[in-house]
Structures are given as structure tokens and as C-alpha cells.
Amino acid sequence: MIRLFTALSIPKDLRLRLAALGSGIDGARWIDADNLHITLCFIGDVSEPVADEVFHALEAVRGTPVPVCLGAAGQFASRGRARAVWVGVEKTPELSLLHDKIAQALIRAGLPPEGRKYAPHVTIGRLRGAWPNHVLNWLEANGAFFAPAFEALSFVLYESRLGRSGPDYAPVADFPLTVEARSSPNILQNFRSRPSRV
């Protein structure tokens, strides 16, 4: 099986700034700069034939360049415990529309709806058993994070591969948004050439 998701890539200089936020919480698993991204739609584990259907469905997605504005830091919690810390992304009309177009394309490819409200963000670190005061201190230190806006001209299909230190996100294909820019998607890797994992 192949685990896939779609996302916006982040310029390298901004990824480095975001990765620099990764300290101050004991036991956190901080996301490497190369793996930072803005998830659009999580696809999950699919077979290679379904992955092909996903690829062809995404080829049909068109749109306009998406302004991306990063903002304050926050956390995801479950049962009163922080599970992840993140930097928020403004949910602009352009970003929401792109998310919806991709979600509809995935449904046409035979996948079930994702079933949760879209909340764009960049995950900075994943937490397990973190001290609440460490999390609060991190949020206070990074709550006013600001970065200049950038424009996303494409979206990316990623494969999530589990390694010894956690998942690694490998770009499979880059899909330009505008008709003028897209003669065909930029194939970055061919997941079909590797044996399936079970």
C-alpha cells in the first residue's frame, strides 16, 4: 500500500524559519525542515491502481495562484493533552477553493470524503507526554509568529514513507494550477516503480 496526501510546498527560507521554532518542549518530535508543508487533503493508504486513479484525477484540477499567509502558533489537544503544535495558515477563499476542488477530484477517483473540517496549518512538532507548562511557554514564545505571504503556483502529491525516525514525505508529482503553466504535471518520483508495502 502507498500512503498519499496533497499539500502546498513551502519556500525553503520559510521552512528554515519554521524549523527553528522546534525547541523548548521536552520529548517533542520536531518536524524536519524538508518535511514541512501545508496539507490540503489526506488520502491515506491506497493500492497502486487506486494511486493511479488519484494521479489522473488530480491532473484535472485547475485554479488560480493561492496567496499563503502564515500566522500565530497553536496546538491540537486530545483528552486534555497537547498532541501537536503548529503555525496557522489563513484560510483564504483561494485556499479553500483549491482544497474543495481537490476533495471533489478524490471523490471522483472513488475515495470517500475526508469527513473533517479543513483547518490549514503547518505542523511544527508532535507531542507525547509533554509537560503542559512547556507547551504554554512555547505557545507564548511563538504566538506572534509572522512571515511575509507567498504565492503558491502549484500543489504537490506526496508519499509518506515510514522511517526509523518517523515519516518522511517524498514529493511524487507537482501540479501547476493554471492552464498556461500546465502542459503536464511535473513527475518528481514514480511510486509505481517500487514494490508495494504491506
N, C-alpha and C. Protein backbone atom coordinates (compact mmCIF):
# COMPACT_ATOMS: atom_id res chain seq x y z
N MET A 1 0.84 -1.20 0.00
CA MET A 1 0.00 0.00 0.00
C MET A 1 0.88 1.25 0.00
N ILE A 2 0.31 2.33 -0.51
CA ILE A 2 1.02 3.61 -0.61
C ILE A 2 0.22 4.65 0.15
N ARG A 3 0.88 5.38 1.05
CA ARG A 3 0.18 6.43 1.81
C ARG A 3 0.44 7.77 1.13
N LEU A 4 -0.65 8.44 0.73
CA LEU A 4 -0.54 9.66 -0.05
C LEU A 4 -1.30 10.81 0.60
N PHE A 5 -0.87 12.02 0.28
CA PHE A 5 -1.63 13.22 0.63
C PHE A 5 -1.24 14.33 -0.34
N THR A 6 -2.08 15.35 -0.43
CA THR A 6 -1.76 16.52 -1.24
C THR A 6 -1.46 17.69 -0.32
N ALA A 7 -0.59 18.58 -0.78
CA ALA A 7 -0.18 19.70 0.07
C ALA A 7 0.39 20.82 -0.78
N LEU A 8 0.50 21.98 -0.15
CA LEU A 8 1.28 23.08 -0.72
C LEU A 8 2.69 22.99 -0.17
N SER A 9 3.67 23.15 -1.04
CA SER A 9 5.05 23.22 -0.56
C SER A 9 5.32 24.62 -0.03
N ILE A 10 6.35 24.73 0.79
CA ILE A 10 6.71 25.99 1.44
C ILE A 10 8.11 26.37 0.98
N PRO A 11 8.34 27.64 0.64
CA PRO A 11 9.68 28.05 0.22
C PRO A 11 10.74 27.69 1.27
N LYS A 12 11.93 27.37 0.80
CA LYS A 12 12.99 26.88 1.70
C LYS A 12 13.31 27.85 2.82
N ASP A 13 13.41 29.14 2.52
CA ASP A 13 13.77 30.09 3.58
C ASP A 13 12.73 30.11 4.68
N LEU A 14 11.47 29.97 4.32
CA LEU A 14 10.41 29.95 5.32
C LEU A 14 10.41 28.63 6.08
N ARG A 15 10.70 27.53 5.40
CA ARG A 15 10.79 26.24 6.09
C ARG A 15 11.87 26.28 7.16
N LEU A 16 12.98 26.92 6.85
CA LEU A 16 14.07 27.02 7.83
C LEU A 16 13.65 27.85 9.03
N ARG A 17 12.91 28.93 8.79
CA ARG A 17 12.40 29.74 9.90
C ARG A 17 11.44 28.95 10.77
N LEU A 18 10.57 28.19 10.13
CA LEU A 18 9.61 27.39 10.88
C LEU A 18 10.31 26.29 11.67
N ALA A 19 11.29 25.64 11.05
CA ALA A 19 12.02 24.58 11.75
C ALA A 19 12.76 25.12 12.97
N ALA A 20 13.17 26.39 12.91
CA ALA A 20 13.88 27.00 14.04
C ALA A 20 12.99 27.15 15.26
N LEU A 21 11.67 27.01 15.09
CA LEU A 21 10.75 27.06 16.23
C LEU A 21 10.76 25.76 17.02
N GLY A 22 11.44 24.75 16.50
CA GLY A 22 11.39 23.41 17.08
C GLY A 22 12.30 23.21 18.27
N SER A 23 11.97 23.82 19.38
CA SER A 23 12.70 23.61 20.63
C SER A 23 11.83 24.09 21.78
N GLY A 24 12.20 23.67 22.99
CA GLY A 24 11.53 24.18 24.18
C GLY A 24 10.49 23.26 24.79
N ILE A 25 10.21 22.12 24.15
CA ILE A 25 9.25 21.16 24.72
C ILE A 25 9.95 19.81 24.81
N ASP A 26 10.23 19.37 26.03
CA ASP A 26 10.92 18.09 26.22
C ASP A 26 10.09 16.94 25.64
N GLY A 27 10.77 16.06 24.91
CA GLY A 27 10.12 14.88 24.36
C GLY A 27 9.37 15.11 23.06
N ALA A 28 9.37 16.33 22.56
CA ALA A 28 8.68 16.60 21.29
C ALA A 28 9.44 15.98 20.13
N ARG A 29 8.71 15.54 19.13
CA ARG A 29 9.34 15.11 17.87
C ARG A 29 9.14 16.22 16.86
N TRP A 30 10.19 17.00 16.67
CA TRP A 30 10.11 18.17 15.80
C TRP A 30 10.21 17.75 14.34
N ILE A 31 9.44 18.40 13.50
CA ILE A 31 9.41 18.07 12.07
C ILE A 31 10.62 18.70 11.39
N ASP A 32 11.33 17.89 10.62
CA ASP A 32 12.49 18.38 9.88
C ASP A 32 12.05 19.41 8.83
N ALA A 33 12.93 20.37 8.58
CA ALA A 33 12.59 21.45 7.63
C ALA A 33 12.16 20.91 6.28
N ASP A 34 12.80 19.84 5.81
CA ASP A 34 12.46 19.30 4.49
C ASP A 34 11.06 18.69 4.45
N ASN A 35 10.49 18.37 5.61
CA ASN A 35 9.17 17.73 5.66
C ASN A 35 8.04 18.70 5.95
N LEU A 36 8.33 19.96 6.19
CA LEU A 36 7.28 20.93 6.50
C LEU A 36 6.45 21.23 5.25
N HIS A 37 5.14 21.32 5.43
CA HIS A 37 4.22 21.52 4.30
C HIS A 37 2.88 21.98 4.84
N ILE A 38 1.98 22.33 3.94
CA ILE A 38 0.61 22.70 4.31
C ILE A 38 -0.32 21.67 3.66
N THR A 39 -0.85 20.76 4.46
CA THR A 39 -1.70 19.70 3.92
C THR A 39 -2.97 20.29 3.31
N LEU A 40 -3.34 19.77 2.16
CA LEU A 40 -4.62 20.10 1.52
C LEU A 40 -5.63 19.00 1.78
N CYS A 41 -5.34 17.79 1.30
CA CYS A 41 -6.23 16.64 1.53
C CYS A 41 -5.39 15.41 1.85
N PHE A 42 -5.75 14.73 2.94
CA PHE A 42 -5.10 13.47 3.28
C PHE A 42 -5.82 12.34 2.55
N ILE A 43 -5.07 11.54 1.83
CA ILE A 43 -5.64 10.46 1.03
C ILE A 43 -5.58 9.14 1.78
N GLY A 44 -4.46 8.86 2.41
CA GLY A 44 -4.31 7.64 3.19
C GLY A 44 -3.68 6.52 2.39
N ASP A 45 -3.81 5.30 2.90
CA ASP A 45 -3.19 4.13 2.29
C ASP A 45 -4.05 3.62 1.14
N VAL A 46 -3.45 3.54 -0.04
CA VAL A 46 -4.17 3.08 -1.22
C VAL A 46 -3.29 2.10 -1.99
N SER A 47 -3.93 1.28 -2.80
CA SER A 47 -3.20 0.37 -3.68
C SER A 47 -2.61 1.15 -4.85
N GLU A 48 -1.71 0.52 -5.58
CA GLU A 48 -1.11 1.19 -6.73
C GLU A 48 -2.15 1.51 -7.81
N PRO A 49 -3.11 0.63 -8.12
CA PRO A 49 -4.14 1.02 -9.09
C PRO A 49 -4.94 2.23 -8.65
N VAL A 50 -5.28 2.30 -7.36
CA VAL A 50 -6.01 3.47 -6.87
C VAL A 50 -5.11 4.71 -6.91
N ALA A 51 -3.83 4.54 -6.61
CA ALA A 51 -2.90 5.67 -6.70
C ALA A 51 -2.87 6.23 -8.11
N ASP A 52 -2.94 5.35 -9.11
CA ASP A 52 -3.00 5.81 -10.50
C ASP A 52 -4.27 6.63 -10.74
N GLU A 53 -5.40 6.16 -10.22
CA GLU A 53 -6.66 6.89 -10.37
C GLU A 53 -6.56 8.26 -9.70
N VAL A 54 -5.95 8.32 -8.54
CA VAL A 54 -5.76 9.59 -7.84
C VAL A 54 -4.92 10.54 -8.69
N PHE A 55 -3.84 10.03 -9.22
CA PHE A 55 -2.95 10.86 -10.04
C PHE A 55 -3.72 11.47 -11.21
N HIS A 56 -4.48 10.66 -11.92
CA HIS A 56 -5.20 11.17 -13.09
C HIS A 56 -6.31 12.14 -12.68
N ALA A 57 -6.94 11.90 -11.53
CA ALA A 57 -7.96 12.84 -11.06
C ALA A 57 -7.35 14.19 -10.73
N LEU A 58 -6.17 14.18 -10.13
CA LEU A 58 -5.52 15.44 -9.76
C LEU A 58 -5.06 16.22 -10.98
N GLU A 59 -4.77 15.51 -12.07
CA GLU A 59 -4.36 16.20 -13.30
C GLU A 59 -5.43 17.17 -13.79
N ALA A 60 -6.69 16.90 -13.46
CA ALA A 60 -7.80 17.73 -13.95
C ALA A 60 -8.05 18.96 -13.10
N VAL A 61 -7.40 19.06 -11.95
CA VAL A 61 -7.65 20.19 -11.05
C VAL A 61 -6.99 21.45 -11.60
N ARG A 62 -7.77 22.50 -11.73
CA ARG A 62 -7.26 23.80 -12.18
C ARG A 62 -7.62 24.85 -11.14
N GLY A 63 -6.91 25.95 -11.18
CA GLY A 63 -7.21 27.01 -10.23
C GLY A 63 -6.40 28.25 -10.53
N THR A 64 -6.30 29.10 -9.54
CA THR A 64 -5.50 30.31 -9.64
C THR A 64 -4.42 30.25 -8.58
N PRO A 65 -3.36 31.04 -8.73
CA PRO A 65 -2.33 31.07 -7.68
C PRO A 65 -2.96 31.37 -6.32
N VAL A 66 -2.43 30.73 -5.29
CA VAL A 66 -3.01 30.82 -3.94
C VAL A 66 -2.10 31.66 -3.04
N PRO A 67 -2.60 32.80 -2.54
CA PRO A 67 -1.81 33.55 -1.56
C PRO A 67 -1.79 32.79 -0.24
N VAL A 68 -0.61 32.65 0.33
CA VAL A 68 -0.45 31.88 1.57
C VAL A 68 0.09 32.79 2.66
N CYS A 69 -0.67 32.91 3.74
CA CYS A 69 -0.30 33.78 4.86
C CYS A 69 -0.23 32.95 6.13
N LEU A 70 0.95 32.87 6.72
CA LEU A 70 1.13 32.15 7.97
C LEU A 70 0.94 33.09 9.15
N GLY A 71 0.39 32.55 10.24
CA GLY A 71 0.10 33.40 11.38
C GLY A 71 0.51 32.79 12.69
N ALA A 72 -0.31 32.98 13.71
CA ALA A 72 0.04 32.63 15.07
C ALA A 72 0.14 31.12 15.28
N ALA A 73 0.87 30.75 16.33
CA ALA A 73 1.04 29.35 16.69
C ALA A 73 -0.14 28.85 17.50
N GLY A 74 -0.34 27.53 17.50
CA GLY A 74 -1.41 26.93 18.27
C GLY A 74 -1.09 25.48 18.57
N GLN A 75 -2.06 24.76 19.12
CA GLN A 75 -1.87 23.36 19.48
C GLN A 75 -3.12 22.56 19.15
N PHE A 76 -2.92 21.26 18.91
CA PHE A 76 -4.01 20.30 18.86
C PHE A 76 -3.94 19.47 20.14
N ALA A 77 -5.07 19.27 20.76
CA ALA A 77 -5.11 18.52 22.01
C ALA A 77 -6.15 17.41 21.94
N SER A 78 -5.92 16.37 22.70
CA SER A 78 -6.86 15.26 22.81
C SER A 78 -6.91 14.81 24.27
N ARG A 79 -8.11 14.74 24.82
CA ARG A 79 -8.30 14.35 26.22
C ARG A 79 -7.47 15.22 27.16
N GLY A 80 -7.42 16.49 26.83
CA GLY A 80 -6.74 17.44 27.70
C GLY A 80 -5.23 17.46 27.58
N ARG A 81 -4.67 16.69 26.65
CA ARG A 81 -3.22 16.64 26.47
C ARG A 81 -2.86 17.17 25.09
N ALA A 82 -1.85 18.02 25.04
CA ALA A 82 -1.38 18.53 23.75
C ALA A 82 -0.77 17.40 22.94
N ARG A 83 -1.16 17.30 21.68
CA ARG A 83 -0.65 16.25 20.79
C ARG A 83 0.25 16.80 19.69
N ALA A 84 0.09 18.08 19.37
CA ALA A 84 0.91 18.68 18.31
C ALA A 84 0.88 20.19 18.48
N VAL A 85 1.95 20.84 18.04
CA VAL A 85 1.99 22.30 17.97
C VAL A 85 2.18 22.69 16.52
N TRP A 86 1.61 23.82 16.15
CA TRP A 86 1.57 24.20 14.75
C TRP A 86 1.61 25.71 14.60
N VAL A 87 1.85 26.14 13.36
CA VAL A 87 1.69 27.54 12.97
C VAL A 87 0.50 27.59 12.02
N GLY A 88 -0.40 28.51 12.27
CA GLY A 88 -1.62 28.59 11.49
C GLY A 88 -1.42 29.17 10.10
N VAL A 89 -2.34 28.84 9.21
CA VAL A 89 -2.36 29.35 7.85
C VAL A 89 -3.73 29.98 7.61
N GLU A 90 -3.74 31.20 7.11
CA GLU A 90 -5.01 31.89 6.86
C GLU A 90 -5.82 31.13 5.81
N LYS A 91 -7.08 30.89 6.13
CA LYS A 91 -7.96 30.15 5.22
C LYS A 91 -8.59 31.13 4.23
N THR A 92 -7.80 31.50 3.24
CA THR A 92 -8.27 32.45 2.23
C THR A 92 -9.27 31.78 1.30
N PRO A 93 -10.09 32.57 0.58
CA PRO A 93 -11.02 31.97 -0.38
C PRO A 93 -10.31 31.11 -1.41
N GLU A 94 -9.13 31.55 -1.87
CA GLU A 94 -8.40 30.79 -2.88
C GLU A 94 -7.94 29.44 -2.32
N LEU A 95 -7.47 29.43 -1.08
CA LEU A 95 -7.02 28.18 -0.47
C LEU A 95 -8.20 27.24 -0.24
N SER A 96 -9.30 27.77 0.25
CA SER A 96 -10.49 26.94 0.47
C SER A 96 -11.00 26.34 -0.83
N LEU A 97 -11.00 27.14 -1.90
CA LEU A 97 -11.48 26.65 -3.19
C LEU A 97 -10.58 25.55 -3.72
N LEU A 98 -9.26 25.71 -3.58
CA LEU A 98 -8.35 24.67 -4.04
C LEU A 98 -8.57 23.38 -3.25
N HIS A 99 -8.69 23.50 -1.95
CA HIS A 99 -8.97 22.32 -1.13
C HIS A 99 -10.23 21.61 -1.60
N ASP A 100 -11.29 22.38 -1.84
CA ASP A 100 -12.57 21.78 -2.25
C ASP A 100 -12.46 21.11 -3.61
N LYS A 101 -11.72 21.71 -4.54
CA LYS A 101 -11.56 21.11 -5.87
C LYS A 101 -10.81 19.79 -5.78
N ILE A 102 -9.76 19.75 -4.96
CA ILE A 102 -9.01 18.51 -4.80
C ILE A 102 -9.87 17.45 -4.12
N ALA A 103 -10.63 17.85 -3.09
CA ALA A 103 -11.50 16.91 -2.40
C ALA A 103 -12.51 16.29 -3.36
N GLN A 104 -13.10 17.11 -4.24
CA GLN A 104 -14.06 16.60 -5.21
C GLN A 104 -13.39 15.68 -6.22
N ALA A 105 -12.17 16.02 -6.62
CA ALA A 105 -11.44 15.16 -7.57
C ALA A 105 -11.16 13.80 -6.95
N LEU A 106 -10.83 13.77 -5.67
CA LEU A 106 -10.57 12.50 -4.99
C LEU A 106 -11.84 11.66 -4.87
N ILE A 107 -12.97 12.31 -4.65
CA ILE A 107 -14.24 11.58 -4.61
C ILE A 107 -14.54 10.97 -5.97
N ARG A 108 -14.26 11.74 -7.04
CA ARG A 108 -14.48 11.20 -8.39
C ARG A 108 -13.55 10.02 -8.67
N ALA A 109 -12.41 9.98 -7.98
CA ALA A 109 -11.48 8.86 -8.15
C ALA A 109 -11.90 7.65 -7.33
N GLY A 110 -13.01 7.77 -6.60
CA GLY A 110 -13.54 6.64 -5.85
C GLY A 110 -13.21 6.62 -4.38
N LEU A 111 -12.61 7.70 -3.87
CA LEU A 111 -12.25 7.75 -2.45
C LEU A 111 -13.39 8.35 -1.64
N PRO A 112 -13.54 7.95 -0.38
CA PRO A 112 -14.59 8.52 0.46
C PRO A 112 -14.24 9.94 0.86
N PRO A 113 -15.24 10.77 1.18
CA PRO A 113 -14.95 12.13 1.66
C PRO A 113 -14.10 12.07 2.93
N GLU A 114 -13.27 13.09 3.11
CA GLU A 114 -12.35 13.09 4.25
C GLU A 114 -13.10 13.17 5.58
N GLY A 115 -14.21 13.90 5.62
CA GLY A 115 -15.07 13.86 6.79
C GLY A 115 -14.67 14.74 7.95
N ARG A 116 -13.77 15.69 7.73
CA ARG A 116 -13.46 16.64 8.81
C ARG A 116 -13.25 18.02 8.21
N LYS A 117 -13.54 19.03 9.02
CA LYS A 117 -13.43 20.40 8.56
C LYS A 117 -11.98 20.75 8.27
N TYR A 118 -11.76 21.46 7.17
CA TYR A 118 -10.40 21.82 6.78
C TYR A 118 -9.88 22.95 7.65
N ALA A 119 -8.74 22.71 8.29
CA ALA A 119 -8.09 23.71 9.15
C ALA A 119 -6.63 23.80 8.75
N PRO A 120 -6.28 24.66 7.79
CA PRO A 120 -4.90 24.70 7.29
C PRO A 120 -3.91 25.12 8.36
N HIS A 121 -2.75 24.45 8.37
CA HIS A 121 -1.72 24.73 9.36
C HIS A 121 -0.43 24.06 8.91
N VAL A 122 0.65 24.40 9.59
CA VAL A 122 1.94 23.72 9.40
C VAL A 122 2.29 23.06 10.72
N THR A 123 2.33 21.74 10.76
CA THR A 123 2.71 21.05 12.00
C THR A 123 4.20 21.26 12.25
N ILE A 124 4.52 21.76 13.44
CA ILE A 124 5.91 22.02 13.81
C ILE A 124 6.48 20.86 14.62
N GLY A 125 5.67 20.28 15.49
CA GLY A 125 6.14 19.17 16.31
C GLY A 125 4.99 18.33 16.81
N ARG A 126 5.27 17.04 17.02
CA ARG A 126 4.28 16.12 17.59
C ARG A 126 4.70 15.79 19.02
N LEU A 127 3.71 15.72 19.90
CA LEU A 127 3.99 15.62 21.33
C LEU A 127 3.42 14.34 21.91
N ARG A 128 4.13 13.82 22.89
CA ARG A 128 3.64 12.69 23.67
C ARG A 128 4.11 12.88 25.11
N GLY A 129 3.17 13.09 25.99
CA GLY A 129 3.51 13.26 27.40
C GLY A 129 4.23 14.56 27.71
N ALA A 130 4.01 15.59 26.90
CA ALA A 130 4.70 16.87 27.13
C ALA A 130 4.14 17.56 28.37
N TRP A 131 5.02 18.22 29.10
CA TRP A 131 4.58 18.99 30.26
C TRP A 131 3.74 20.17 29.80
N PRO A 132 2.55 20.37 30.37
CA PRO A 132 1.68 21.47 29.94
C PRO A 132 2.34 22.84 30.00
N ASN A 133 3.17 23.07 31.04
CA ASN A 133 3.81 24.39 31.13
C ASN A 133 4.82 24.60 30.02
N HIS A 134 5.46 23.52 29.55
CA HIS A 134 6.38 23.65 28.42
C HIS A 134 5.61 24.04 27.16
N VAL A 135 4.44 23.43 26.97
CA VAL A 135 3.62 23.75 25.80
C VAL A 135 3.14 25.20 25.87
N LEU A 136 2.67 25.63 27.05
CA LEU A 136 2.21 27.00 27.20
C LEU A 136 3.33 27.99 26.95
N ASN A 137 4.53 27.69 27.45
CA ASN A 137 5.67 28.58 27.22
C ASN A 137 6.00 28.67 25.73
N TRP A 138 5.91 27.52 25.04
CA TRP A 138 6.19 27.52 23.60
C TRP A 138 5.17 28.37 22.86
N LEU A 139 3.90 28.22 23.23
CA LEU A 139 2.84 29.00 22.58
C LEU A 139 3.01 30.49 22.84
N GLU A 140 3.39 30.84 24.05
CA GLU A 140 3.61 32.26 24.35
C GLU A 140 4.78 32.82 23.56
N ALA A 141 5.83 32.01 23.42
CA ALA A 141 7.03 32.48 22.71
C ALA A 141 6.79 32.62 21.22
N ASN A 142 5.89 31.81 20.67
CA ASN A 142 5.70 31.78 19.21
C ASN A 142 4.31 32.21 18.76
N GLY A 143 3.52 32.70 19.70
CA GLY A 143 2.15 33.09 19.36
C GLY A 143 2.06 34.22 18.37
N ALA A 144 3.09 35.06 18.33
CA ALA A 144 3.07 36.20 17.42
C ALA A 144 3.92 35.95 16.17
N PHE A 145 4.15 34.67 15.85
CA PHE A 145 4.96 34.37 14.66
C PHE A 145 4.36 35.05 13.43
N PHE A 146 5.23 35.64 12.63
CA PHE A 146 4.79 36.30 11.41
C PHE A 146 5.79 36.02 10.31
N ALA A 147 5.29 35.83 9.11
CA ALA A 147 6.14 35.66 7.93
C ALA A 147 5.46 36.34 6.76
N PRO A 148 6.23 36.92 5.86
CA PRO A 148 5.63 37.52 4.67
C PRO A 148 4.85 36.47 3.87
N ALA A 149 3.76 36.90 3.27
CA ALA A 149 2.95 35.99 2.46
C ALA A 149 3.74 35.55 1.23
N PHE A 150 3.41 34.36 0.75
CA PHE A 150 3.98 33.91 -0.52
C PHE A 150 2.84 33.38 -1.39
N GLU A 151 3.12 33.15 -2.65
CA GLU A 151 2.10 32.70 -3.59
C GLU A 151 2.42 31.28 -4.05
N ALA A 152 1.46 30.38 -3.86
CA ALA A 152 1.62 29.01 -4.32
C ALA A 152 1.10 28.90 -5.74
N LEU A 153 1.95 28.46 -6.64
CA LEU A 153 1.58 28.33 -8.05
C LEU A 153 1.23 26.90 -8.44
N SER A 154 1.36 25.98 -7.48
CA SER A 154 1.09 24.57 -7.75
C SER A 154 0.77 23.87 -6.44
N PHE A 155 0.29 22.64 -6.55
CA PHE A 155 0.17 21.78 -5.37
C PHE A 155 0.89 20.47 -5.65
N VAL A 156 1.19 19.73 -4.60
CA VAL A 156 2.06 18.57 -4.70
C VAL A 156 1.36 17.33 -4.16
N LEU A 157 1.55 16.22 -4.85
CA LEU A 157 1.16 14.91 -4.34
C LEU A 157 2.37 14.31 -3.64
N TYR A 158 2.22 14.00 -2.35
CA TYR A 158 3.31 13.44 -1.55
C TYR A 158 3.02 11.99 -1.19
N GLU A 159 4.10 11.23 -1.04
CA GLU A 159 4.02 9.90 -0.44
C GLU A 159 4.66 9.95 0.93
N SER A 160 3.99 9.40 1.92
CA SER A 160 4.52 9.32 3.28
C SER A 160 5.18 7.96 3.45
N ARG A 161 6.48 7.98 3.77
CA ARG A 161 7.23 6.74 3.96
C ARG A 161 7.71 6.68 5.40
N LEU A 162 7.46 5.59 6.07
CA LEU A 162 7.84 5.45 7.47
C LEU A 162 9.29 5.02 7.57
N GLY A 163 10.08 5.84 8.27
CA GLY A 163 11.48 5.53 8.51
C GLY A 163 11.74 5.31 9.99
N ARG A 164 13.00 5.12 10.35
CA ARG A 164 13.36 4.85 11.74
C ARG A 164 13.03 6.02 12.65
N SER A 165 13.18 7.23 12.14
CA SER A 165 12.95 8.42 12.96
C SER A 165 11.57 9.03 12.73
N GLY A 166 10.69 8.29 12.06
CA GLY A 166 9.35 8.81 11.78
C GLY A 166 9.09 8.89 10.30
N PRO A 167 7.94 9.43 9.90
CA PRO A 167 7.62 9.50 8.47
C PRO A 167 8.47 10.52 7.73
N ASP A 168 8.75 10.19 6.48
CA ASP A 168 9.42 11.11 5.57
C ASP A 168 8.47 11.35 4.41
N TYR A 169 8.37 12.60 3.98
CA TYR A 169 7.40 12.96 2.96
C TYR A 169 8.11 13.20 1.63
N ALA A 170 7.88 12.30 0.69
CA ALA A 170 8.55 12.36 -0.61
C ALA A 170 7.59 12.91 -1.66
N PRO A 171 7.94 14.02 -2.32
CA PRO A 171 7.07 14.54 -3.39
C PRO A 171 7.04 13.59 -4.58
N VAL A 172 5.85 13.28 -5.04
CA VAL A 172 5.67 12.38 -6.18
C VAL A 172 5.45 13.17 -7.47
N ALA A 173 4.57 14.18 -7.42
CA ALA A 173 4.27 14.97 -8.61
C ALA A 173 3.84 16.36 -8.21
N ASP A 174 4.21 17.33 -9.03
CA ASP A 174 3.86 18.73 -8.83
C ASP A 174 2.86 19.13 -9.90
N PHE A 175 1.71 19.67 -9.47
CA PHE A 175 0.63 20.01 -10.39
C PHE A 175 0.46 21.53 -10.46
N PRO A 176 0.95 22.17 -11.53
CA PRO A 176 0.72 23.62 -11.69
C PRO A 176 -0.78 23.91 -11.72
N LEU A 177 -1.16 25.06 -11.17
CA LEU A 177 -2.57 25.38 -11.04
C LEU A 177 -3.18 25.98 -12.30
N THR A 178 -2.43 26.77 -13.02
CA THR A 178 -3.01 27.48 -14.15
C THR A 178 -2.87 26.68 -15.43
N VAL A 179 -3.81 26.88 -16.33
CA VAL A 179 -3.78 26.19 -17.62
C VAL A 179 -2.51 26.56 -18.38
N GLU A 180 -2.11 27.83 -18.30
CA GLU A 180 -0.95 28.30 -19.04
C GLU A 180 0.33 27.58 -18.60
N ALA A 181 0.40 27.26 -17.30
CA ALA A 181 1.63 26.66 -16.77
C ALA A 181 1.64 25.15 -16.91
N ARG A 182 0.49 24.56 -17.19
CA ARG A 182 0.42 23.11 -17.12
C ARG A 182 0.27 22.50 -18.51
N SER A 183 1.37 21.95 -19.01
CA SER A 183 1.27 21.07 -20.17
C SER A 183 1.07 19.64 -19.67
N SER A 184 1.75 19.32 -18.57
CA SER A 184 1.58 18.05 -17.88
C SER A 184 2.18 18.22 -16.49
N PRO A 185 1.77 17.39 -15.51
CA PRO A 185 2.36 17.52 -14.19
C PRO A 185 3.84 17.18 -14.20
N ASN A 186 4.57 17.80 -13.30
CA ASN A 186 5.99 17.53 -13.16
C ASN A 186 6.16 16.30 -12.30
N ILE A 187 6.52 15.17 -12.92
CA ILE A 187 6.67 13.92 -12.19
C ILE A 187 8.00 13.98 -11.44
N LEU A 188 7.93 13.93 -10.12
CA LEU A 188 9.13 14.02 -9.30
C LEU A 188 9.66 12.65 -8.92
N GLN A 189 8.76 11.69 -8.70
CA GLN A 189 9.15 10.32 -8.41
C GLN A 189 8.05 9.42 -8.93
N ASN A 190 8.40 8.19 -9.19
CA ASN A 190 7.40 7.25 -9.69
C ASN A 190 7.15 6.19 -8.63
N PHE A 191 6.08 6.35 -7.86
CA PHE A 191 5.79 5.37 -6.82
C PHE A 191 5.44 4.01 -7.39
N ARG A 192 5.02 3.98 -8.65
CA ARG A 192 4.62 2.71 -9.25
C ARG A 192 5.81 1.82 -9.56
N SER A 193 7.02 2.38 -9.56
CA SER A 193 8.20 1.59 -9.90
C SER A 193 8.74 0.82 -8.71
N ARG A 194 8.21 1.09 -7.49
CA ARG A 194 8.71 0.43 -6.30
C ARG A 194 7.72 -0.66 -5.88
N PRO A 195 8.22 -1.68 -5.21
CA PRO A 195 7.29 -2.71 -4.72
C PRO A 195 6.31 -2.13 -3.72
N SER A 196 5.10 -2.64 -3.70
CA SER A 196 4.11 -2.20 -2.72
C SER A 196 4.55 -2.65 -1.33
N ARG A 197 4.17 -1.85 -0.33
CA ARG A 197 4.43 -2.22 1.06
C ARG A 197 3.13 -2.70 1.68
N VAL A 198 3.24 -3.63 2.59
CA VAL A 198 2.04 -4.12 3.29
C VAL A 198 2.22 -3.90 4.79
